[in-house]
């Protein structure tokens, strides 16, 4: 079991507004039918994707950022 699997299993309630990148990658992979890894999310963060002050990801803000980037053609 990977660390992200352990993190996901250990959480009794997952908040979509405060996800560690590893957990967000795991959830996005399961929900989207396409493999997403932590490195991909880190790349997006380096490219300007918003994060919370503690480095966690808010899926709503991240999705809005992705849509904005897609509209720009990036």
N, C-alpha and C. Protein backbone atom coordinates (compact mmCIF):
# COMPACT_ATOMS: atom_id res chain seq x y z
N UNK A 1 0.85 -1.18 0.00
CA UNK A 1 0.00 0.00 0.00
C UNK A 1 0.90 1.24 0.00
N UNK A 2 0.62 2.19 -0.90
CA UNK A 2 1.41 3.41 -0.95
C UNK A 2 1.02 4.36 0.17
N UNK A 3 1.85 5.39 0.37
CA UNK A 3 1.54 6.39 1.41
C UNK A 3 0.21 7.07 1.14
N UNK A 4 -0.08 7.37 -0.14
CA UNK A 4 -1.34 8.05 -0.44
C UNK A 4 -2.52 7.13 -0.18
N UNK A 5 -2.37 5.82 -0.43
CA UNK A 5 -3.44 4.88 -0.10
C UNK A 5 -3.66 4.85 1.40
N UNK A 6 -2.56 4.83 2.15
CA UNK A 6 -2.67 4.81 3.62
C UNK A 6 -3.32 6.09 4.11
N UNK A 7 -2.93 7.24 3.54
CA UNK A 7 -3.54 8.51 3.92
C UNK A 7 -5.03 8.50 3.63
N UNK A 8 -5.39 7.98 2.46
CA UNK A 8 -6.79 7.94 2.05
C UNK A 8 -7.59 7.01 2.96
N UNK A 9 -7.04 5.86 3.28
CA UNK A 9 -7.73 4.91 4.14
C UNK A 9 -7.83 5.41 5.58
N UNK A 10 -6.84 6.18 6.03
CA UNK A 10 -6.82 6.65 7.41
C UNK A 10 -7.81 7.79 7.64
N UNK A 11 -8.19 8.49 6.59
CA UNK A 11 -9.10 9.62 6.74
C UNK A 11 -10.53 9.10 6.89
N UNK A 12 -11.20 9.51 7.94
CA UNK A 12 -12.58 9.09 8.09
C UNK A 12 -13.50 9.99 7.29
N UNK A 13 -13.11 11.22 7.12
CA UNK A 13 -13.89 12.15 6.31
C UNK A 13 -12.91 12.97 5.49
N UNK A 14 -13.10 12.97 4.20
CA UNK A 14 -12.21 13.69 3.30
C UNK A 14 -12.85 15.03 2.98
N UNK A 15 -12.07 16.08 3.14
CA UNK A 15 -12.55 17.41 2.81
C UNK A 15 -11.99 17.81 1.44
N UNK A 16 -12.83 18.08 0.47
CA UNK A 16 -12.33 18.48 -0.85
C UNK A 16 -11.66 19.85 -0.85
N UNK A 17 -11.70 20.53 0.27
CA UNK A 17 -11.08 21.86 0.33
C UNK A 17 -9.68 21.85 0.95
N UNK A 18 -9.27 20.72 1.52
CA UNK A 18 -7.95 20.65 2.17
C UNK A 18 -7.31 19.29 1.95
N UNK A 19 -6.99 18.97 0.72
CA UNK A 19 -6.41 17.67 0.40
C UNK A 19 -4.89 17.77 0.22
N UNK A 20 -4.14 16.92 0.90
CA UNK A 20 -2.72 16.81 0.58
C UNK A 20 -2.59 16.39 -0.90
N UNK A 21 -1.53 16.81 -1.56
CA UNK A 21 -1.39 16.53 -2.99
C UNK A 21 -1.45 15.04 -3.30
N UNK A 22 -0.84 14.21 -2.47
CA UNK A 22 -0.84 12.77 -2.71
C UNK A 22 -2.26 12.21 -2.66
N UNK A 23 -3.05 12.67 -1.73
CA UNK A 23 -4.43 12.20 -1.61
C UNK A 23 -5.27 12.75 -2.76
N UNK A 24 -5.05 14.00 -3.12
CA UNK A 24 -5.78 14.59 -4.25
C UNK A 24 -5.48 13.82 -5.53
N UNK A 25 -4.23 13.45 -5.74
CA UNK A 25 -3.86 12.70 -6.93
C UNK A 25 -4.59 11.36 -6.96
N UNK A 26 -4.64 10.70 -5.83
CA UNK A 26 -5.31 9.40 -5.74
C UNK A 26 -6.80 9.54 -6.04
N UNK A 27 -7.44 10.52 -5.45
CA UNK A 27 -8.88 10.73 -5.68
C UNK A 27 -9.17 11.10 -7.13
N UNK A 28 -8.36 11.99 -7.69
CA UNK A 28 -8.56 12.40 -9.08
C UNK A 28 -8.36 11.23 -10.03
N UNK A 29 -7.41 10.37 -9.74
CA UNK A 29 -7.18 9.18 -10.57
C UNK A 29 -8.39 8.26 -10.53
N UNK A 30 -8.93 8.04 -9.34
CA UNK A 30 -10.08 7.15 -9.21
C UNK A 30 -11.33 7.75 -9.85
N UNK A 31 -11.52 9.05 -9.72
CA UNK A 31 -12.73 9.69 -10.21
C UNK A 31 -12.69 9.98 -11.70
N UNK A 32 -11.50 10.24 -12.22
CA UNK A 32 -11.40 10.70 -13.59
C UNK A 32 -11.11 9.65 -14.64
N UNK A 33 -10.76 8.44 -14.22
CA UNK A 33 -10.45 7.41 -15.20
C UNK A 33 -9.13 7.63 -15.91
N UNK A 34 -8.34 8.55 -15.41
CA UNK A 34 -7.02 8.84 -15.99
C UNK A 34 -6.05 8.98 -14.83
N UNK A 35 -4.88 8.38 -14.98
CA UNK A 35 -3.90 8.42 -13.89
C UNK A 35 -3.41 9.83 -13.64
N UNK A 36 -3.52 10.28 -12.41
CA UNK A 36 -2.97 11.55 -11.96
C UNK A 36 -2.02 11.23 -10.82
N UNK A 37 -0.81 11.78 -10.89
CA UNK A 37 0.13 11.53 -9.80
C UNK A 37 0.52 12.84 -9.13
N UNK A 38 1.17 12.71 -8.00
CA UNK A 38 1.55 13.89 -7.22
C UNK A 38 2.46 14.82 -8.01
N UNK A 39 3.34 14.25 -8.82
CA UNK A 39 4.25 15.08 -9.63
C UNK A 39 3.47 15.97 -10.59
N UNK A 40 2.39 15.44 -11.17
CA UNK A 40 1.57 16.23 -12.08
C UNK A 40 0.95 17.41 -11.34
N UNK A 41 0.48 17.16 -10.13
CA UNK A 41 -0.13 18.23 -9.35
C UNK A 41 0.93 19.25 -8.94
N UNK A 42 2.12 18.78 -8.57
CA UNK A 42 3.21 19.71 -8.22
C UNK A 42 3.57 20.59 -9.41
N UNK A 43 3.57 20.01 -10.60
CA UNK A 43 3.86 20.79 -11.81
C UNK A 43 2.80 21.88 -11.99
N UNK A 44 1.54 21.53 -11.79
CA UNK A 44 0.46 22.52 -11.91
C UNK A 44 0.61 23.61 -10.86
N UNK A 45 0.97 23.24 -9.64
CA UNK A 45 1.17 24.23 -8.58
C UNK A 45 2.31 25.18 -8.97
N UNK A 46 3.39 24.63 -9.50
CA UNK A 46 4.51 25.47 -9.95
C UNK A 46 4.09 26.38 -11.09
N UNK A 47 3.11 25.95 -11.88
CA UNK A 47 2.61 26.74 -13.01
C UNK A 47 1.55 27.76 -12.58
N UNK A 48 1.19 27.76 -11.28
CA UNK A 48 0.26 28.77 -10.79
C UNK A 48 -1.04 28.25 -10.20
N UNK A 49 -1.23 26.93 -10.16
CA UNK A 49 -2.45 26.40 -9.55
C UNK A 49 -2.51 26.82 -8.09
N UNK A 50 -3.66 27.23 -7.62
CA UNK A 50 -3.76 27.71 -6.23
C UNK A 50 -3.68 26.58 -5.22
N UNK A 51 -3.07 26.89 -4.09
CA UNK A 51 -3.05 25.97 -2.95
C UNK A 51 -3.43 26.75 -1.71
N UNK A 52 -3.79 26.03 -0.68
CA UNK A 52 -4.05 26.64 0.62
C UNK A 52 -2.70 27.02 1.25
N UNK A 53 -2.73 27.82 2.28
CA UNK A 53 -1.51 28.27 2.95
C UNK A 53 -0.66 27.10 3.45
N UNK A 54 -1.30 25.99 3.78
CA UNK A 54 -0.55 24.83 4.28
C UNK A 54 -0.09 23.89 3.16
N UNK A 55 -0.31 24.28 1.90
CA UNK A 55 0.14 23.48 0.77
C UNK A 55 -0.87 22.46 0.28
N UNK A 56 -2.01 22.37 0.95
CA UNK A 56 -3.05 21.43 0.51
C UNK A 56 -3.81 22.01 -0.67
N UNK A 57 -4.58 21.16 -1.31
CA UNK A 57 -5.30 21.54 -2.51
C UNK A 57 -6.79 21.62 -2.23
N UNK A 58 -7.40 22.69 -2.71
CA UNK A 58 -8.85 22.84 -2.69
C UNK A 58 -9.32 22.42 -4.07
N UNK A 59 -10.04 21.31 -4.17
CA UNK A 59 -10.42 20.79 -5.48
C UNK A 59 -11.29 21.75 -6.28
N UNK A 60 -12.11 22.53 -5.61
CA UNK A 60 -12.96 23.50 -6.32
C UNK A 60 -12.09 24.59 -6.96
N UNK A 61 -11.16 25.11 -6.21
CA UNK A 61 -10.26 26.15 -6.74
C UNK A 61 -9.36 25.59 -7.83
N UNK A 62 -8.89 24.36 -7.62
CA UNK A 62 -8.04 23.72 -8.62
C UNK A 62 -8.80 23.50 -9.92
N UNK A 63 -10.04 23.02 -9.83
CA UNK A 63 -10.86 22.80 -11.03
C UNK A 63 -11.10 24.12 -11.76
N UNK A 64 -11.37 25.18 -11.02
CA UNK A 64 -11.57 26.50 -11.65
C UNK A 64 -10.30 26.95 -12.36
N UNK A 65 -9.15 26.72 -11.74
CA UNK A 65 -7.87 27.08 -12.35
C UNK A 65 -7.66 26.28 -13.64
N UNK A 66 -7.95 24.97 -13.60
CA UNK A 66 -7.79 24.13 -14.79
C UNK A 66 -8.68 24.63 -15.94
N UNK A 67 -9.91 24.99 -15.62
CA UNK A 67 -10.83 25.49 -16.64
C UNK A 67 -10.30 26.78 -17.25
N UNK A 68 -9.80 27.66 -16.39
CA UNK A 68 -9.22 28.92 -16.87
C UNK A 68 -8.03 28.65 -17.79
N UNK A 69 -7.18 27.71 -17.41
CA UNK A 69 -6.02 27.37 -18.23
C UNK A 69 -6.45 26.77 -19.57
N UNK A 70 -7.47 25.92 -19.55
CA UNK A 70 -7.96 25.33 -20.77
C UNK A 70 -8.53 26.41 -21.71
N UNK A 71 -9.21 27.39 -21.14
CA UNK A 71 -9.78 28.46 -21.95
C UNK A 71 -8.69 29.30 -22.61
N UNK A 72 -7.55 29.40 -21.93
CA UNK A 72 -6.40 30.14 -22.49
C UNK A 72 -5.70 29.34 -23.58
N UNK A 73 -5.96 28.03 -23.59
CA UNK A 73 -5.31 27.17 -24.57
C UNK A 73 -4.03 26.54 -24.07
N UNK A 74 -3.75 26.66 -22.76
CA UNK A 74 -2.52 26.07 -22.21
C UNK A 74 -2.72 24.61 -21.85
